[in-house]
Amino acid sequence: MGIEVNYEGKIAMVTGASSGLGARFAKALAGAGAQVVLASRRTERLKELRAEIEADGGAAHVVNLDVTDMASIKSAIAHAETEAGPIDILINNSGVQSTQRLLDVTEDDYQYIMDTNLRGAFFVAQQTAKRMIQRAKGDPRKQHRIVNIASVAGLRVLPQIGVYCMSKAGVVQMTKAMAVEWGKYGINVNAICPGYIATEMNEDYFETEQGRKLIDLLPRKRPGKPEDLDGLLLLLAADEAHFINGAIITADDGMTAQ
């Protein structure tokens, strides 16, 4: 018996959608039939992405979102639901990174990473879940999905990004806590932990001597591509994944299996 996943009629909000993985996640969901809400501070980039999605026959909306600002979070979610409709799927993707030794981390460095990667991710999920729960109380059959984008750095320490590792480890535990507390409302919360993925932000680094050394340590001597995460994303965001809740899934081409 075959299973056909259909996203027609679904509203999916993707944070950090202006570039990299977020942009790819939005395209994948739109290509599967969902209306996507593109959320980021860089709205000009979002408008370009919206045009690409619409040119491919998809539907997209743009909202301004600063995940470090609670007022912006509330405003963006309200705007998204006014423009597109109730959010069925949240792809909680916004994130930043800084490369430095722990002894060199300043208070501002620490706050910059934690405010975006952990605090911001928590409150985006919390504020979205509040609306999801209200709808679930009216219709217990209603299904919602939250997919947090963590990292293999949340499962093992990687050199010179210690604070980033700490923030993503927090996202892993956050995912489990949300799954336990919100599962009874039909909200499934899971996390993807990508390995090294080549995007426009790091492609140049992978061409440097240090970057090539890093790639040589990987089982198949290659970084991933954003589209390599499409299948896992679409699985976790689907209604059919109703028994997958609180899962922390790596997509790293065997990196953490070593």
C-alpha atoms as a PDB file:
ATOM      1  CA  MET A   1       0.000   0.000   0.000  1.00  0.00           C
ATOM      2  CA  GLY A   2       1.474   3.326  -1.049  1.00  0.00           C
ATOM      3  CA  ILE A   3       1.403   6.552   0.960  1.00  0.00           C
ATOM      4  CA  GLU A   4       0.981   9.869  -0.819  1.00  0.00           C
ATOM      5  CA  VAL A   5       1.813  12.936   1.257  1.00  0.00           C
ATOM      6  CA  ASN A   6      -0.262  15.947   0.289  1.00  0.00           C
ATOM      7  CA  TYR A   7       0.423  19.446   1.583  1.00  0.00           C
ATOM      8  CA  GLU A   8      -2.452  21.117  -0.273  1.00  0.00           C
ATOM      9  CA  GLY A   9      -4.245  23.481   2.111  1.00  0.00           C
ATOM     10  CA  LYS A  10      -1.371  23.514   4.617  1.00  0.00           C
ATOM     11  CA  ILE A  11       0.210  26.752   5.861  1.00  0.00           C
ATOM     12  CA  ALA A  12       3.903  26.444   6.707  1.00  0.00           C
ATOM     13  CA  MET A  13       5.944  29.217   8.314  1.00  0.00           C
ATOM     14  CA  VAL A  14       9.715  29.061   7.817  1.00  0.00           C
ATOM     15  CA  THR A  15      11.951  31.287   9.926  1.00  0.00           C
ATOM     16  CA  GLY A  16      15.372  32.327   8.668  1.00  0.00           C
ATOM     17  CA  ALA A  17      14.033  31.848   5.141  1.00  0.00           C
ATOM     18  CA  SER A  18      16.115  34.554   3.470  1.00  0.00           C
ATOM     19  CA  SER A  19      19.028  32.237   2.630  1.00  0.00           C
ATOM     20  CA  GLY A  20      20.633  28.829   3.072  1.00  0.00           C
ATOM     21  CA  LEU A  21      18.621  25.992   4.544  1.00  0.00           C
ATOM     22  CA  GLY A  22      15.611  28.167   5.317  1.00  0.00           C
ATOM     23  CA  ALA A  23      15.207  29.173   1.674  1.00  0.00           C
ATOM     24  CA  ARG A  24      15.509  25.545   0.598  1.00  0.00           C
ATOM     25  CA  PHE A  25      12.979  24.379   3.200  1.00  0.00           C
ATOM     26  CA  ALA A  26      10.500  26.956   1.919  1.00  0.00           C
ATOM     27  CA  LYS A  27      10.962  25.825  -1.680  1.00  0.00           C
ATOM     28  CA  ALA A  28      10.553  22.156  -0.734  1.00  0.00           C
ATOM     29  CA  LEU A  29       7.311  22.788   1.139  1.00  0.00           C
ATOM     30  CA  ALA A  30       5.937  25.046  -1.579  1.00  0.00           C
ATOM     31  CA  GLY A  31       6.828  22.438  -4.185  1.00  0.00           C
ATOM     32  CA  ALA A  32       4.859  19.879  -2.178  1.00  0.00           C
ATOM     33  CA  GLY A  33       1.765  22.090  -2.267  1.00  0.00           C
ATOM     34  CA  ALA A  34       1.906  24.098   0.971  1.00  0.00           C
ATOM     35  CA  GLN A  35       1.449  27.833   1.194  1.00  0.00           C
ATOM     36  CA  VAL A  36       4.663  29.098   2.770  1.00  0.00           C
ATOM     37  CA  VAL A  37       5.195  32.105   4.997  1.00  0.00           C
ATOM     38  CA  LEU A  38       8.737  33.390   4.583  1.00  0.00           C
ATOM     39  CA  ALA A  39      10.003  35.026   7.775  1.00  0.00           C
ATOM     40  CA  SER A  40      13.269  36.892   8.330  1.00  0.00           C
ATOM     41  CA  ARG A  41      14.696  40.352   8.931  1.00  0.00           C
ATOM     42  CA  ARG A  42      15.942  40.552   5.330  1.00  0.00           C
ATOM     43  CA  THR A  43      12.602  41.106   3.641  1.00  0.00           C
ATOM     44  CA  GLU A  44      14.124  42.113   0.292  1.00  0.00           C
ATOM     45  CA  ARG A  45      15.684  38.658   0.037  1.00  0.00           C
ATOM     46  CA  LEU A  46      12.357  37.143   1.035  1.00  0.00           C
ATOM     47  CA  LYS A  47      10.586  39.007  -1.755  1.00  0.00           C
ATOM     48  CA  GLU A  48      13.069  37.564  -4.257  1.00  0.00           C
ATOM     49  CA  LEU A  49      12.429  34.082  -2.894  1.00  0.00           C
ATOM     50  CA  ARG A  50       8.673  34.621  -3.050  1.00  0.00           C
ATOM     51  CA  ALA A  51       9.023  35.546  -6.731  1.00  0.00           C
ATOM     52  CA  GLU A  52      10.980  32.322  -7.376  1.00  0.00           C
ATOM     53  CA  ILE A  53       8.376  30.215  -5.604  1.00  0.00           C
ATOM     54  CA  GLU A  54       5.497  31.883  -7.432  1.00  0.00           C
ATOM     55  CA  ALA A  55       7.284  31.452 -10.772  1.00  0.00           C
ATOM     56  CA  ASP A  56       7.372  27.719 -10.041  1.00  0.00           C
ATOM     57  CA  GLY A  57       3.631  27.693  -9.367  1.00  0.00           C
ATOM     58  CA  GLY A  58       3.777  27.908  -5.571  1.00  0.00           C
ATOM     59  CA  ALA A  59       2.270  30.333  -3.083  1.00  0.00           C
ATOM     60  CA  ALA A  60       4.293  32.401  -0.630  1.00  0.00           C
ATOM     61  CA  HIS A  61       3.916  35.317   1.772  1.00  0.00           C
ATOM     62  CA  VAL A  62       6.549  37.576   3.323  1.00  0.00           C
ATOM     63  CA  VAL A  63       6.691  38.700   6.961  1.00  0.00           C
ATOM     64  CA  ASN A  64       9.369  40.611   8.817  1.00  0.00           C
ATOM     65  CA  LEU A  65      10.700  38.714  11.829  1.00  0.00           C
ATOM     66  CA  ASP A  66      13.451  39.395  14.342  1.00  0.00           C
ATOM     67  CA  VAL A  67      13.542  36.331  16.593  1.00  0.00           C
ATOM     68  CA  THR A  68      15.458  38.235  19.273  1.00  0.00           C
ATOM     69  CA  ASP A  69      12.516  40.631  19.761  1.00  0.00           C
ATOM     70  CA  MET A  70       9.327  39.325  21.407  1.00  0.00           C
ATOM     71  CA  ALA A  71       7.174  42.076  19.919  1.00  0.00           C
ATOM     72  CA  SER A  72       8.462  41.159  16.455  1.00  0.00           C
ATOM     73  CA  ILE A  73       7.723  37.468  17.059  1.00  0.00           C
ATOM     74  CA  LYS A  74       4.122  38.146  18.081  1.00  0.00           C
ATOM     75  CA  SER A  75       3.616  40.596  15.224  1.00  0.00           C
ATOM     76  CA  ALA A  76       5.086  38.230  12.605  1.00  0.00           C
ATOM     77  CA  ILE A  77       2.912  35.292  13.677  1.00  0.00           C
ATOM     78  CA  ALA A  78      -0.217  37.445  13.741  1.00  0.00           C
ATOM     79  CA  HIS A  79       0.666  38.878  10.313  1.00  0.00           C
ATOM     80  CA  ALA A  80       1.335  35.397   8.933  1.00  0.00           C
ATOM     81  CA  GLU A  81      -2.054  34.098  10.047  1.00  0.00           C
ATOM     82  CA  THR A  82      -3.835  37.197   8.738  1.00  0.00           C
ATOM     83  CA  GLU A  83      -2.127  36.919   5.346  1.00  0.00           C
ATOM     84  CA  ALA A  84      -2.110  33.158   4.828  1.00  0.00           C
ATOM     85  CA  GLY A  85      -4.299  31.526   7.472  1.00  0.00           C
ATOM     86  CA  PRO A  86      -3.701  29.442  10.611  1.00  0.00           C
ATOM     87  CA  ILE A  87      -0.174  28.029  10.760  1.00  0.00           C
ATOM     88  CA  ASP A  88      -0.175  24.224  10.472  1.00  0.00           C
ATOM     89  CA  ILE A  89       3.594  23.756  10.272  1.00  0.00           C
ATOM     90  CA  LEU A  90       6.449  25.726  11.828  1.00  0.00           C
ATOM     91  CA  ILE A  91       9.975  25.213  10.536  1.00  0.00           C
ATOM     92  CA  ASN A  92      11.987  26.835  13.337  1.00  0.00           C
ATOM     93  CA  ASN A  93      15.207  27.500  11.472  1.00  0.00           C
ATOM     94  CA  SER A  94      16.725  30.886  12.394  1.00  0.00           C
ATOM     95  CA  GLY A  95      20.293  30.565  13.605  1.00  0.00           C
ATOM     96  CA  VAL A  96      23.690  32.254  13.784  1.00  0.00           C
ATOM     97  CA  GLN A  97      27.231  31.079  14.429  1.00  0.00           C
ATOM     98  CA  SER A  98      30.538  32.569  15.547  1.00  0.00           C
ATOM     99  CA  THR A  99      33.911  30.827  15.227  1.00  0.00           C
ATOM    100  CA  GLN A 100      36.176  31.438  18.210  1.00  0.00           C
ATOM    101  CA  ARG A 101      37.739  29.751  21.200  1.00  0.00           C
ATOM    102  CA  LEU A 102      35.733  29.767  24.423  1.00  0.00           C
ATOM    103  CA  LEU A 103      38.340  31.934  26.151  1.00  0.00           C
ATOM    104  CA  ASP A 104      37.758  34.621  23.526  1.00  0.00           C
ATOM    105  CA  VAL A 105      33.956  34.686  23.830  1.00  0.00           C
ATOM    106  CA  THR A 106      32.633  38.015  25.091  1.00  0.00           C
ATOM    107  CA  GLU A 107      29.319  38.619  26.805  1.00  0.00           C
ATOM    108  CA  ASP A 108      28.012  40.138  23.561  1.00  0.00           C
ATOM    109  CA  ASP A 109      29.180  37.127  21.533  1.00  0.00           C
ATOM    110  CA  TYR A 110      27.442  34.748  23.927  1.00  0.00           C
ATOM    111  CA  GLN A 111      24.210  36.729  23.964  1.00  0.00           C
ATOM    112  CA  TYR A 112      24.196  37.081  20.155  1.00  0.00           C
ATOM    113  CA  ILE A 113      24.236  33.311  19.657  1.00  0.00           C
ATOM    114  CA  MET A 114      21.961  32.325  22.540  1.00  0.00           C
ATOM    115  CA  ASP A 115      19.381  35.027  21.833  1.00  0.00           C
ATOM    116  CA  THR A 116      18.888  33.776  18.276  1.00  0.00           C
ATOM    117  CA  ASN A 117      19.531  30.054  18.437  1.00  0.00           C
ATOM    118  CA  LEU A 118      17.863  29.177  21.727  1.00  0.00           C
ATOM    119  CA  ARG A 119      15.843  32.021  23.221  1.00  0.00           C
ATOM    120  CA  GLY A 120      14.497  33.098  19.821  1.00  0.00           C
ATOM    121  CA  ALA A 121      13.711  29.551  18.731  1.00  0.00           C
ATOM    122  CA  PHE A 122      11.900  28.889  22.011  1.00  0.00           C
ATOM    123  CA  PHE A 123       9.639  31.925  21.869  1.00  0.00           C
ATOM    124  CA  VAL A 124       8.810  31.511  18.166  1.00  0.00           C
ATOM    125  CA  ALA A 125       7.694  27.949  18.930  1.00  0.00           C
ATOM    126  CA  GLN A 126       5.883  28.986  22.111  1.00  0.00           C
ATOM    127  CA  GLN A 127       3.902  31.787  20.496  1.00  0.00           C
ATOM    128  CA  THR A 128       3.001  29.622  17.498  1.00  0.00           C
ATOM    129  CA  ALA A 129       2.021  26.710  19.740  1.00  0.00           C
ATOM    130  CA  LYS A 130      -0.337  28.888  21.768  1.00  0.00           C
ATOM    131  CA  ARG A 131      -2.413  29.454  18.635  1.00  0.00           C
ATOM    132  CA  MET A 132      -2.148  25.820  17.595  1.00  0.00           C
ATOM    133  CA  ILE A 133      -3.385  24.685  21.011  1.00  0.00           C
ATOM    134  CA  GLN A 134      -6.387  27.005  20.886  1.00  0.00           C
ATOM    135  CA  ARG A 135      -7.392  25.481  17.545  1.00  0.00           C
ATOM    136  CA  ALA A 136      -6.812  21.956  18.832  1.00  0.00           C
ATOM    137  CA  LYS A 137      -9.169  22.593  21.747  1.00  0.00           C
ATOM    138  CA  GLY A 138     -11.861  23.422  19.207  1.00  0.00           C
ATOM    139  CA  ASP A 139     -11.059  20.422  17.002  1.00  0.00           C
ATOM    140  CA  PRO A 140      -9.134  17.570  18.706  1.00  0.00           C
ATOM    141  CA  ARG A 141      -8.513  15.941  15.313  1.00  0.00           C
ATOM    142  CA  LYS A 142      -6.399  18.898  14.178  1.00  0.00           C
ATOM    143  CA  GLN A 143      -2.746  18.064  13.501  1.00  0.00           C
ATOM    144  CA  HIS A 144       0.152  20.523  13.804  1.00  0.00           C
ATOM    145  CA  ARG A 145       3.883  20.108  13.274  1.00  0.00           C
ATOM    146  CA  ILE A 146       6.923  21.946  14.621  1.00  0.00           C
ATOM    147  CA  VAL A 147      10.333  21.063  13.211  1.00  0.00           C
ATOM    148  CA  ASN A 148      13.242  22.637  15.068  1.00  0.00           C
ATOM    149  CA  ILE A 149      16.511  22.869  13.168  1.00  0.00           C
ATOM    150  CA  ALA A 150      19.269  21.867  15.562  1.00  0.00           C
ATOM    151  CA  SER A 151      22.681  20.563  14.439  1.00  0.00           C
ATOM    152  CA  VAL A 152      25.103  17.702  14.927  1.00  0.00           C
ATOM    153  CA  ALA A 153      26.914  20.353  16.978  1.00  0.00           C
ATOM    154  CA  GLY A 154      24.146  19.886  19.532  1.00  0.00           C
ATOM    155  CA  LEU A 155      25.126  16.230  19.876  1.00  0.00           C
ATOM    156  CA  ARG A 156      28.915  16.464  19.858  1.00  0.00           C
ATOM    157  CA  VAL A 157      31.414  19.256  20.449  1.00  0.00           C
ATOM    158  CA  LEU A 158      32.983  20.688  17.309  1.00  0.00           C
ATOM    159  CA  PRO A 159      36.145  22.829  17.455  1.00  0.00           C
ATOM    160  CA  GLN A 160      35.955  26.604  17.949  1.00  0.00           C
ATOM    161  CA  ILE A 161      32.153  26.814  17.948  1.00  0.00           C
ATOM    162  CA  GLY A 162      31.581  25.876  21.577  1.00  0.00           C
ATOM    163  CA  VAL A 163      28.821  28.383  22.288  1.00  0.00           C
ATOM    164  CA  TYR A 164      27.023  27.373  19.095  1.00  0.00           C
ATOM    165  CA  CYS A 165      27.235  23.734  20.261  1.00  0.00           C
ATOM    166  CA  MET A 166      25.762  24.749  23.613  1.00  0.00           C
ATOM    167  CA  SER A 167      22.893  26.603  21.946  1.00  0.00           C
ATOM    168  CA  LYS A 168      22.013  23.691  19.669  1.00  0.00           C
ATOM    169  CA  ALA A 169      22.212  21.215  22.556  1.00  0.00           C
ATOM    170  CA  GLY A 170      19.603  23.438  24.163  1.00  0.00           C
ATOM    171  CA  VAL A 171      17.436  23.157  21.041  1.00  0.00           C
ATOM    172  CA  VAL A 172      17.659  19.352  21.296  1.00  0.00           C
ATOM    173  CA  GLN A 173      16.376  19.360  24.888  1.00  0.00           C
ATOM    174  CA  MET A 174      13.842  22.061  24.059  1.00  0.00           C
ATOM    175  CA  THR A 175      12.431  19.829  21.313  1.00  0.00           C
ATOM    176  CA  LYS A 176      11.953  16.925  23.711  1.00  0.00           C
ATOM    177  CA  ALA A 177      10.302  19.122  26.352  1.00  0.00           C
ATOM    178  CA  MET A 178       7.890  20.602  23.805  1.00  0.00           C
ATOM    179  CA  ALA A 179       7.041  17.166  22.427  1.00  0.00           C
ATOM    180  CA  VAL A 180       6.144  15.875  25.880  1.00  0.00           C
ATOM    181  CA  GLU A 181       4.078  18.893  26.885  1.00  0.00           C
ATOM    182  CA  TRP A 182       2.308  19.665  23.610  1.00  0.00           C
ATOM    183  CA  GLY A 183       1.823  16.197  22.144  1.00  0.00           C
ATOM    184  CA  LYS A 184      -1.603  15.850  23.762  1.00  0.00           C
ATOM    185  CA  TYR A 185      -2.786  18.764  21.615  1.00  0.00           C
ATOM    186  CA  GLY A 186      -1.819  17.075  18.343  1.00  0.00           C
ATOM    187  CA  ILE A 187       1.404  19.051  18.022  1.00  0.00           C
ATOM    188  CA  ASN A 188       4.336  16.868  17.040  1.00  0.00           C
ATOM    189  CA  VAL A 189       7.692  18.499  17.752  1.00  0.00           C
ATOM    190  CA  ASN A 190      10.854  17.006  16.254  1.00  0.00           C
ATOM    191  CA  ALA A 191      14.358  18.199  15.427  1.00  0.00           C
ATOM    192  CA  ILE A 192      16.656  17.783  12.463  1.00  0.00           C
ATOM    193  CA  CYS A 193      20.389  17.795  13.210  1.00  0.00           C
ATOM    194  CA  PRO A 194      22.161  18.520   9.926  1.00  0.00           C
ATOM    195  CA  GLY A 195      25.837  17.835   9.454  1.00  0.00           C
ATOM    196  CA  TYR A 196      28.021  19.990   7.241  1.00  0.00           C
ATOM    197  CA  ILE A 197      25.820  21.438   4.477  1.00  0.00           C
ATOM    198  CA  ALA A 198      27.266  23.656   1.751  1.00  0.00           C
ATOM    199  CA  THR A 199      25.334  26.909   1.358  1.00  0.00           C
ATOM    200  CA  GLU A 200      26.196  30.307  -0.051  1.00  0.00           C
ATOM    201  CA  MET A 201      27.367  31.306   3.424  1.00  0.00           C
ATOM    202  CA  ASN A 202      30.066  28.648   3.750  1.00  0.00           C
ATOM    203  CA  GLU A 203      30.931  27.437   0.244  1.00  0.00           C
ATOM    204  CA  ASP A 204      34.041  29.629   0.150  1.00  0.00           C
ATOM    205  CA  TYR A 205      35.208  28.211   3.488  1.00  0.00           C
ATOM    206  CA  PHE A 206      35.010  24.644   2.180  1.00  0.00           C
ATOM    207  CA  GLU A 207      37.443  25.674  -0.572  1.00  0.00           C
ATOM    208  CA  THR A 208      40.084  26.843   1.917  1.00  0.00           C
ATOM    209  CA  GLU A 209      42.843  24.580   3.246  1.00  0.00           C
ATOM    210  CA  GLN A 210      41.140  24.349   6.647  1.00  0.00           C
ATOM    211  CA  GLY A 211      37.796  23.630   5.017  1.00  0.00           C
ATOM    212  CA  ARG A 212      39.237  20.858   2.848  1.00  0.00           C
ATOM    213  CA  LYS A 213      40.854  19.290   5.907  1.00  0.00           C
ATOM    214  CA  LEU A 214      37.474  19.284   7.590  1.00  0.00           C
ATOM    215  CA  ILE A 215      35.806  17.622   4.612  1.00  0.00           C
ATOM    216  CA  ASP A 216      38.529  14.963   4.551  1.00  0.00           C
ATOM    217  CA  LEU A 217      37.429  13.895   8.045  1.00  0.00           C
ATOM    218  CA  LEU A 218      33.921  13.048   6.844  1.00  0.00           C
ATOM    219  CA  PRO A 219      33.076   9.427   5.939  1.00  0.00           C
ATOM    220  CA  ARG A 220      32.445  10.155   2.272  1.00  0.00           C
ATOM    221  CA  LYS A 221      34.659  13.251   1.982  1.00  0.00           C
ATOM    222  CA  ARG A 222      31.849  15.589   0.983  1.00  0.00           C
ATOM    223  CA  PRO A 223      29.527  18.186   2.491  1.00  0.00           C
ATOM    224  CA  GLY A 224      25.808  17.872   1.972  1.00  0.00           C
ATOM    225  CA  LYS A 225      23.552  20.023  -0.170  1.00  0.00           C
ATOM    226  CA  PRO A 226      20.468  21.824   1.176  1.00  0.00           C
ATOM    227  CA  GLU A 227      18.218  19.604  -0.939  1.00  0.00           C
ATOM    228  CA  ASP A 228      19.622  16.536   0.828  1.00  0.00           C
ATOM    229  CA  LEU A 229      17.332  17.444   3.745  1.00  0.00           C
ATOM    230  CA  ASP A 230      14.129  17.642   1.671  1.00  0.00           C
ATOM    231  CA  GLY A 231      12.944  14.104   2.349  1.00  0.00           C
ATOM    232  CA  LEU A 232      13.412  14.288   6.108  1.00  0.00           C
ATOM    233  CA  LEU A 233      11.801  17.710   6.339  1.00  0.00           C
ATOM    234  CA  LEU A 234       8.735  16.638   4.349  1.00  0.00           C
ATOM    235  CA  LEU A 235       8.417  13.487   6.444  1.00  0.00           C
ATOM    236  CA  LEU A 236       8.453  15.303   9.784  1.00  0.00           C
ATOM    237  CA  ALA A 237       6.080  18.036   8.601  1.00  0.00           C
ATOM    238  CA  ALA A 238       3.460  15.599   7.296  1.00  0.00           C
ATOM    239  CA  ASP A 239       0.216  14.589   9.008  1.00  0.00           C
ATOM    240  CA  GLU A 240       1.209  10.995   8.274  1.00  0.00           C
ATOM    241  CA  ALA A 241       4.126  11.322  10.732  1.00  0.00           C
ATOM    242  CA  HIS A 242       1.685  11.340  13.651  1.00  0.00           C
ATOM    243  CA  PHE A 243       3.688   8.739  15.642  1.00  0.00           C
ATOM    244  CA  ILE A 244       7.000  10.602  15.316  1.00  0.00           C
ATOM    245  CA  ASN A 245       7.212  12.972  18.253  1.00  0.00           C
ATOM    246  CA  GLY A 246      10.248  14.127  20.229  1.00  0.00           C
ATOM    247  CA  ALA A 247      12.635  12.596  17.687  1.00  0.00           C
ATOM    248  CA  ILE A 248      16.127  14.027  17.229  1.00  0.00           C
ATOM    249  CA  ILE A 249      17.238  12.911  13.778  1.00  0.00           C
ATOM    250  CA  THR A 250      20.686  13.424  12.298  1.00  0.00           C
ATOM    251  CA  ALA A 251      21.178  14.007   8.583  1.00  0.00           C
ATOM    252  CA  ASP A 252      24.947  14.068   8.348  1.00  0.00           C
ATOM    253  CA  ASP A 253      26.040  11.382   5.861  1.00  0.00           C
ATOM    254  CA  GLY A 254      27.429   9.259   8.678  1.00  0.00           C
ATOM    255  CA  MET A 255      29.472  11.946  10.415  1.00  0.00           C
ATOM    256  CA  THR A 256      28.279  11.186  13.945  1.00  0.00           C
ATOM    257  CA  ALA A 257      28.427   7.424  13.322  1.00  0.00           C
ATOM    258  CA  GLN A 258      32.215   7.541  13.415  1.00  0.00           C
END
